[in-house]
C-alpha atoms as a PDB file:
ATOM      1  CA  MET A   1    -171.518-178.205 -87.863  1.00  0.00           C
ATOM      2  CA  LYS A   2    -171.631-175.106 -90.317  1.00  0.00           C
ATOM      3  CA  ALA A   3    -167.422-175.874 -91.241  1.00  0.00           C
ATOM      4  CA  TYR A   4    -168.470-179.589 -92.023  1.00  0.00           C
ATOM      5  CA  LEU A   5    -171.490-178.367 -94.168  1.00  0.00           C
ATOM      6  CA  LEU A   6    -169.435-175.470 -95.984  1.00  0.00           C
ATOM      7  CA  SER A   7    -166.190-178.811 -96.107  1.00  0.00           C
ATOM      8  CA  LEU A   8    -169.025-180.888 -97.739  1.00  0.00           C
ATOM      9  CA  ALA A   9    -170.223-178.218-100.609  1.00  0.00           C
ATOM     10  CA  ILE A  10    -166.400-176.833-101.490  1.00  0.00           C
ATOM     11  CA  GLY A  11    -166.030-180.698-101.884  1.00  0.00           C
ATOM     12  CA  VAL A  12    -168.909-181.513-104.571  1.00  0.00           C
ATOM     13  CA  ILE A  13    -168.345-178.037-106.454  1.00  0.00           C
ATOM     14  CA  VAL A  14    -164.486-179.277-106.853  1.00  0.00           C
ATOM     15  CA  GLY A  15    -165.841-182.416-107.505  1.00  0.00           C
ATOM     16  CA  VAL A  16    -168.004-181.029-110.390  1.00  0.00           C
ATOM     17  CA  LEU A  17    -164.682-179.116-112.032  1.00  0.00           C
ATOM     18  CA  TYR A  18    -162.706-181.979-111.830  1.00  0.00           C
ATOM     19  CA  SER A  19    -165.835-183.973-113.825  1.00  0.00           C
ATOM     20  CA  VAL A  20    -165.972-180.894-116.282  1.00  0.00           C
ATOM     21  CA  ALA A  21    -162.332-180.868-116.593  1.00  0.00           C
ATOM     22  CA  GLY A  22    -162.256-184.379-117.286  1.00  0.00           C
ATOM     23  CA  VAL A  23    -159.257-184.821-114.317  1.00  0.00           C
ATOM     24  CA  ARG A  24    -158.997-187.956-112.675  1.00  0.00           C
ATOM     25  CA  SER A  25    -159.515-186.816-108.672  1.00  0.00           C
ATOM     26  CA  PRO A  26    -156.351-187.313-106.680  1.00  0.00           C
ATOM     27  CA  ALA A  27    -158.426-188.411-103.880  1.00  0.00           C
ATOM     28  CA  PRO A  28    -158.240-192.251-102.439  1.00  0.00           C
ATOM     29  CA  PRO A  29    -160.579-194.894-103.392  1.00  0.00           C
ATOM     30  CA  VAL A  30    -164.122-195.119-102.255  1.00  0.00           C
ATOM     31  CA  ILE A  31    -163.493-198.112-100.267  1.00  0.00           C
ATOM     32  CA  ALA A  32    -160.786-195.879 -98.523  1.00  0.00           C
ATOM     33  CA  LEU A  33    -163.052-193.490 -97.678  1.00  0.00           C
ATOM     34  CA  VAL A  34    -165.754-195.802 -96.187  1.00  0.00           C
ATOM     35  CA  GLY A  35    -162.964-197.085 -94.530  1.00  0.00           C
ATOM     36  CA  LEU A  36    -161.900-194.115 -92.776  1.00  0.00           C
ATOM     37  CA  LEU A  37    -165.249-193.182 -92.100  1.00  0.00           C
ATOM     38  CA  GLY A  38    -165.724-196.338 -89.737  1.00  0.00           C
ATOM     39  CA  ILE A  39    -162.533-195.483 -88.056  1.00  0.00           C
ATOM     40  CA  LEU A  40    -164.132-191.696 -87.055  1.00  0.00           C
ATOM     41  CA  ALA A  41    -167.132-193.705 -86.481  1.00  0.00           C
ATOM     42  CA  GLY A  42    -165.504-196.018 -84.386  1.00  0.00           C
ATOM     43  CA  GLU A  43    -163.798-193.291 -82.329  1.00  0.00           C
ATOM     44  CA  GLN A  44    -166.844-191.633 -81.145  1.00  0.00           C
ATOM     45  CA  LEU A  45    -168.497-194.853 -80.348  1.00  0.00           C
ATOM     46  CA  ILE A  46    -166.831-195.200 -76.555  1.00  0.00           C
ATOM     47  CA  PRO A  47    -167.272-191.495 -76.110  1.00  0.00           C
ATOM     48  CA  TRP A  48    -170.887-191.378 -77.352  1.00  0.00           C
ATOM     49  CA  VAL A  49    -171.878-195.059 -75.077  1.00  0.00           C
ATOM     50  CA  ARG A  50    -170.527-193.396 -72.381  1.00  0.00           C
ATOM     51  CA  SER A  51    -172.221-190.316 -72.258  1.00  0.00           C
ATOM     52  CA  MET A  52    -175.464-192.275 -72.250  1.00  0.00           C
ATOM     53  CA  THR A  53    -174.635-194.549 -69.522  1.00  0.00           C
ATOM     54  CA  GLY A  54    -173.969-191.648 -67.048  1.00  0.00           C
END
């Protein structure tokens, strides 16, 4: 969990620096990131359901 929080914190810091410098981020648009989040959630869904059902 620490790695995720550290990654998020560094990402936010870099985002702020990009904004201050007026540089456009090379990251994909937000809609693509939301789709990626959906893919990751979908990957975790089946193992989670299996662990809940025994």
